[in-house]
Each structure stands twice: as C-alpha cells, then as structure tokens.
N, C-alpha and C. Protein backbone atom coordinates (compact mmCIF):
# COMPACT_ATOMS: atom_id res chain seq x y z
N UNK A 1 11.32 38.64 14.56
CA UNK A 1 12.31 38.88 13.52
C UNK A 1 12.74 37.53 12.97
N UNK A 2 12.85 37.45 11.68
CA UNK A 2 13.28 36.20 11.05
C UNK A 2 14.78 36.00 11.23
N UNK A 3 15.20 34.75 11.13
CA UNK A 3 16.63 34.44 11.22
C UNK A 3 17.41 35.13 10.10
N UNK A 4 16.82 35.17 8.90
CA UNK A 4 17.49 35.82 7.78
C UNK A 4 17.71 37.30 8.04
N UNK A 5 16.69 37.96 8.58
CA UNK A 5 16.81 39.40 8.87
C UNK A 5 17.86 39.64 9.95
N UNK A 6 17.85 38.79 10.96
CA UNK A 6 18.83 38.90 12.05
C UNK A 6 20.25 38.76 11.50
N UNK A 7 20.46 37.75 10.67
CA UNK A 7 21.79 37.53 10.08
C UNK A 7 22.19 38.70 9.18
N UNK A 8 21.22 39.24 8.46
CA UNK A 8 21.50 40.40 7.60
C UNK A 8 21.99 41.59 8.44
N UNK A 9 21.31 41.86 9.53
CA UNK A 9 21.69 42.98 10.41
C UNK A 9 23.06 42.74 11.02
N UNK A 10 23.27 41.53 11.54
CA UNK A 10 24.55 41.22 12.19
C UNK A 10 25.71 41.26 11.18
N UNK A 11 25.48 40.72 9.99
CA UNK A 11 26.51 40.75 8.96
C UNK A 11 26.83 42.17 8.52
N UNK A 12 25.81 42.98 8.41
CA UNK A 12 26.02 44.38 8.02
C UNK A 12 26.81 45.13 9.10
N UNK A 13 26.51 44.86 10.37
CA UNK A 13 27.26 45.50 11.46
C UNK A 13 28.75 45.16 11.34
N UNK A 14 29.05 43.93 11.01
CA UNK A 14 30.45 43.52 10.85
C UNK A 14 31.09 44.24 9.68
N UNK A 15 30.37 44.33 8.57
CA UNK A 15 30.91 45.01 7.38
C UNK A 15 31.13 46.50 7.66
N UNK A 16 30.19 47.14 8.34
CA UNK A 16 30.27 48.59 8.57
C UNK A 16 31.32 48.92 9.62
N UNK A 17 31.28 48.21 10.74
CA UNK A 17 32.17 48.57 11.87
C UNK A 17 33.49 47.81 11.86
N UNK A 18 33.54 46.70 11.14
CA UNK A 18 34.77 45.92 11.06
C UNK A 18 34.82 44.81 12.10
N UNK A 19 35.54 43.77 11.75
CA UNK A 19 35.64 42.60 12.63
C UNK A 19 36.29 42.95 13.97
N UNK A 20 37.41 43.66 13.93
CA UNK A 20 38.12 43.98 15.18
C UNK A 20 37.24 44.78 16.12
N UNK A 21 36.52 45.74 15.58
CA UNK A 21 35.63 46.55 16.41
C UNK A 21 34.53 45.70 17.03
N UNK A 22 33.95 44.80 16.26
CA UNK A 22 32.87 43.97 16.78
C UNK A 22 33.39 42.96 17.81
N UNK A 23 34.60 42.49 17.65
CA UNK A 23 35.20 41.63 18.67
C UNK A 23 35.36 42.43 19.97
N UNK A 24 35.82 43.67 19.85
CA UNK A 24 35.95 44.52 21.05
C UNK A 24 34.60 44.76 21.71
N UNK A 25 33.57 44.99 20.92
CA UNK A 25 32.23 45.20 21.48
C UNK A 25 31.75 43.93 22.17
N UNK A 26 32.05 42.77 21.59
CA UNK A 26 31.67 41.51 22.23
C UNK A 26 32.31 41.39 23.61
N UNK A 27 33.58 41.73 23.70
CA UNK A 27 34.28 41.69 24.99
C UNK A 27 33.61 42.65 25.98
N UNK A 28 33.30 43.85 25.53
CA UNK A 28 32.64 44.83 26.40
C UNK A 28 31.28 44.32 26.89
N UNK A 29 30.51 43.74 25.98
CA UNK A 29 29.17 43.25 26.34
C UNK A 29 29.26 42.09 27.33
N UNK A 30 30.25 41.20 27.13
CA UNK A 30 30.41 40.10 28.07
C UNK A 30 30.80 40.62 29.45
N UNK A 31 31.60 41.66 29.47
CA UNK A 31 31.99 42.27 30.73
C UNK A 31 30.78 42.89 31.43
N UNK A 32 29.94 43.55 30.66
CA UNK A 32 28.73 44.15 31.23
C UNK A 32 27.79 43.09 31.81
N UNK A 33 27.68 41.94 31.13
CA UNK A 33 26.86 40.85 31.66
C UNK A 33 27.47 40.32 32.95
N UNK A 34 28.77 40.16 32.97
CA UNK A 34 29.45 39.70 34.18
C UNK A 34 29.16 40.63 35.35
N UNK A 35 29.28 41.93 35.11
CA UNK A 35 29.03 42.91 36.17
C UNK A 35 27.57 42.86 36.64
N UNK A 36 26.64 42.72 35.71
CA UNK A 36 25.23 42.66 36.07
C UNK A 36 24.93 41.43 36.93
N UNK A 37 25.53 40.31 36.59
CA UNK A 37 25.32 39.09 37.36
C UNK A 37 25.92 39.23 38.76
N UNK A 38 27.10 39.82 38.85
CA UNK A 38 27.73 40.02 40.16
C UNK A 38 26.89 40.96 41.04
N UNK A 39 26.36 42.04 40.45
CA UNK A 39 25.49 42.95 41.21
C UNK A 39 24.26 42.21 41.71
N UNK A 40 23.70 41.38 40.86
CA UNK A 40 22.52 40.60 41.23
C UNK A 40 22.84 39.66 42.40
N UNK A 41 23.95 38.97 42.32
CA UNK A 41 24.31 38.03 43.39
C UNK A 41 24.54 38.74 44.72
N UNK A 42 25.17 39.91 44.67
CA UNK A 42 25.36 40.69 45.91
C UNK A 42 24.01 41.12 46.48
N UNK A 43 23.14 41.61 45.62
CA UNK A 43 21.83 42.08 46.07
C UNK A 43 20.95 40.92 46.55
N UNK A 44 21.11 39.79 45.92
CA UNK A 44 20.30 38.62 46.28
C UNK A 44 20.46 38.27 47.75
N UNK A 45 21.66 38.44 48.28
CA UNK A 45 21.93 38.12 49.67
C UNK A 45 21.48 39.21 50.63
N UNK A 46 21.24 40.43 50.12
CA UNK A 46 20.93 41.56 50.98
C UNK A 46 19.52 42.10 50.79
N UNK A 47 19.10 42.23 49.54
CA UNK A 47 17.85 42.92 49.25
C UNK A 47 17.13 42.22 48.09
N UNK A 48 16.14 41.42 48.41
CA UNK A 48 15.42 40.65 47.38
C UNK A 48 14.75 41.55 46.34
N UNK A 49 14.22 42.72 46.76
CA UNK A 49 13.56 43.62 45.82
C UNK A 49 14.55 44.16 44.79
N UNK A 50 15.73 44.55 45.24
CA UNK A 50 16.74 45.04 44.32
C UNK A 50 17.19 43.92 43.38
N UNK A 51 17.32 42.72 43.90
CA UNK A 51 17.72 41.58 43.07
C UNK A 51 16.72 41.36 41.94
N UNK A 52 15.43 41.44 42.26
CA UNK A 52 14.41 41.26 41.23
C UNK A 52 14.51 42.35 40.17
N UNK A 53 14.77 43.58 40.59
CA UNK A 53 14.94 44.69 39.65
C UNK A 53 16.14 44.44 38.74
N UNK A 54 17.22 43.89 39.31
CA UNK A 54 18.44 43.66 38.54
C UNK A 54 18.30 42.53 37.53
N UNK A 55 17.29 41.70 37.69
CA UNK A 55 17.06 40.63 36.71
C UNK A 55 16.81 41.22 35.32
N UNK A 56 16.12 42.36 35.26
CA UNK A 56 15.88 43.01 33.97
C UNK A 56 17.20 43.43 33.32
N UNK A 57 18.13 43.92 34.12
CA UNK A 57 19.46 44.29 33.59
C UNK A 57 20.17 43.07 33.03
N UNK A 58 20.07 41.95 33.73
CA UNK A 58 20.72 40.73 33.26
C UNK A 58 20.12 40.29 31.93
N UNK A 59 18.81 40.33 31.84
CA UNK A 59 18.14 39.93 30.59
C UNK A 59 18.60 40.81 29.43
N UNK A 60 18.68 42.11 29.68
CA UNK A 60 19.14 43.03 28.63
C UNK A 60 20.58 42.70 28.21
N UNK A 61 21.43 42.45 29.18
CA UNK A 61 22.84 42.14 28.87
C UNK A 61 22.97 40.79 28.18
N UNK A 62 22.14 39.82 28.55
CA UNK A 62 22.15 38.53 27.85
C UNK A 62 21.81 38.75 26.37
N UNK A 63 20.82 39.59 26.11
CA UNK A 63 20.44 39.88 24.72
C UNK A 63 21.61 40.50 23.96
N UNK A 64 22.29 41.47 24.59
CA UNK A 64 23.45 42.10 23.95
C UNK A 64 24.54 41.07 23.65
N UNK A 65 24.81 40.22 24.63
CA UNK A 65 25.86 39.20 24.46
C UNK A 65 25.46 38.22 23.37
N UNK A 66 24.19 37.81 23.34
CA UNK A 66 23.76 36.85 22.32
C UNK A 66 23.92 37.42 20.91
N UNK A 67 23.58 38.69 20.75
CA UNK A 67 23.76 39.33 19.45
C UNK A 67 25.23 39.33 19.05
N UNK A 68 26.09 39.63 20.02
CA UNK A 68 27.52 39.66 19.72
C UNK A 68 28.06 38.24 19.49
N UNK A 69 27.54 37.25 20.21
CA UNK A 69 27.96 35.87 19.97
C UNK A 69 27.59 35.44 18.54
N UNK A 70 26.42 35.85 18.10
CA UNK A 70 26.03 35.55 16.72
C UNK A 70 27.04 36.14 15.74
N UNK A 71 27.47 37.37 16.02
CA UNK A 71 28.46 38.00 15.16
C UNK A 71 29.81 37.29 15.25
N UNK A 72 30.16 36.79 16.43
CA UNK A 72 31.42 36.06 16.59
C UNK A 72 31.39 34.78 15.76
N UNK A 73 30.21 34.14 15.66
CA UNK A 73 30.08 32.95 14.81
C UNK A 73 30.27 33.31 13.34
N UNK A 74 29.78 34.46 12.94
CA UNK A 74 29.97 34.90 11.55
C UNK A 74 31.46 35.13 11.30
N UNK A 75 32.14 35.76 12.24
CA UNK A 75 33.55 36.09 12.08
C UNK A 75 34.43 34.85 12.18
N UNK A 76 34.21 34.02 13.20
CA UNK A 76 35.13 32.92 13.50
C UNK A 76 34.67 31.55 13.04
N UNK A 77 33.39 31.42 12.74
CA UNK A 77 32.91 30.14 12.22
C UNK A 77 31.86 29.49 13.12
N UNK A 78 31.23 28.48 12.56
CA UNK A 78 30.14 27.76 13.21
C UNK A 78 30.65 27.01 14.44
N UNK A 79 29.84 27.02 15.48
CA UNK A 79 30.22 26.38 16.74
C UNK A 79 29.42 25.11 17.02
N UNK A 80 28.58 24.68 16.09
CA UNK A 80 27.67 23.57 16.35
C UNK A 80 28.38 22.30 16.80
N UNK A 81 29.46 21.92 16.15
CA UNK A 81 30.12 20.67 16.52
C UNK A 81 30.72 20.77 17.91
N UNK A 82 31.30 21.92 18.26
CA UNK A 82 31.85 22.10 19.60
C UNK A 82 30.74 22.11 20.64
N UNK A 83 29.62 22.76 20.32
CA UNK A 83 28.50 22.79 21.25
C UNK A 83 27.97 21.38 21.50
N UNK A 84 27.83 20.60 20.43
CA UNK A 84 27.35 19.22 20.58
C UNK A 84 28.31 18.40 21.43
N UNK A 85 29.60 18.52 21.16
CA UNK A 85 30.61 17.80 21.94
C UNK A 85 30.51 18.16 23.42
N UNK A 86 30.45 19.45 23.70
CA UNK A 86 30.43 19.91 25.09
C UNK A 86 29.13 19.54 25.80
N UNK A 87 28.01 19.58 25.08
CA UNK A 87 26.75 19.16 25.69
C UNK A 87 26.75 17.66 26.00
N UNK A 88 27.31 16.88 25.07
CA UNK A 88 27.42 15.44 25.33
C UNK A 88 28.33 15.16 26.52
N UNK A 89 29.41 15.91 26.64
CA UNK A 89 30.32 15.75 27.77
C UNK A 89 29.62 16.12 29.08
N UNK A 90 28.85 17.20 29.06
CA UNK A 90 28.09 17.60 30.24
C UNK A 90 27.08 16.51 30.61
N UNK A 91 26.39 15.98 29.62
CA UNK A 91 25.42 14.91 29.86
C UNK A 91 26.10 13.73 30.53
N UNK A 92 27.24 13.34 30.02
CA UNK A 92 27.98 12.21 30.58
C UNK A 92 28.37 12.48 32.04
N UNK A 93 28.81 13.69 32.34
CA UNK A 93 29.15 14.04 33.72
C UNK A 93 27.93 13.95 34.64
N UNK A 94 26.80 14.46 34.16
CA UNK A 94 25.59 14.42 34.97
C UNK A 94 25.13 12.98 35.18
N UNK A 95 25.23 12.15 34.16
CA UNK A 95 24.85 10.75 34.28
C UNK A 95 25.73 10.03 35.30
N UNK A 96 27.00 10.41 35.34
CA UNK A 96 27.93 9.78 36.28
C UNK A 96 27.60 10.17 37.73
N UNK A 97 26.95 11.31 37.92
CA UNK A 97 26.60 11.77 39.26
C UNK A 97 25.30 11.18 39.77
N UNK A 98 24.51 10.58 38.89
CA UNK A 98 23.22 10.06 39.34
C UNK A 98 23.24 8.55 39.49
C-alpha cells in the first residue's frame, strides 16, 4: 500500500468517525497491545510454545496501534522533531554507558 493511500484511509476514518472517537480507539488499541505483551511475558516463563503463538497476537496489536498512531499524528501534529530529540537523547545515554 502506498503512503498516499494509507494517509487517505486514515484521514477518512477521522472524518467519518470523528477525532474523539479515534482517540478513544487509539487508547483501546494501546491497551490491547499492553495486554498481549503481558500475556506473552507470563507465558514466556512457563510455556515456550504458547509464547511463540502469542507473538502473532502482539504483531497484530502492533499493527493496530501503528495505524492509530498515524491517525494521532494527523489529529495532533507531526512528531518528527520530538522523535529526533528523543532518539538523540537515547543515543547519548547509550554512549555514556559504553
């Protein structure tokens, strides 16, 4: 899928369902990802086969969250400068540890 098509779909979802609704969906999707990761971590310590199965759930939830994050950028604005700042800060921390 092209970036333009993706943005078209995400923008249309915001127009049809409304900003407040899409913010609520973003919160729900982030919660679902959190739950999937916690289930995975519990299973990882007990049952490796179940943990591997749960990886697919995590991947699906990451996709849902990413789609909603894209919509949050449309609603709230570009995050590039904050991402760059935070990545540079992370790099500096890692450099200080080595």
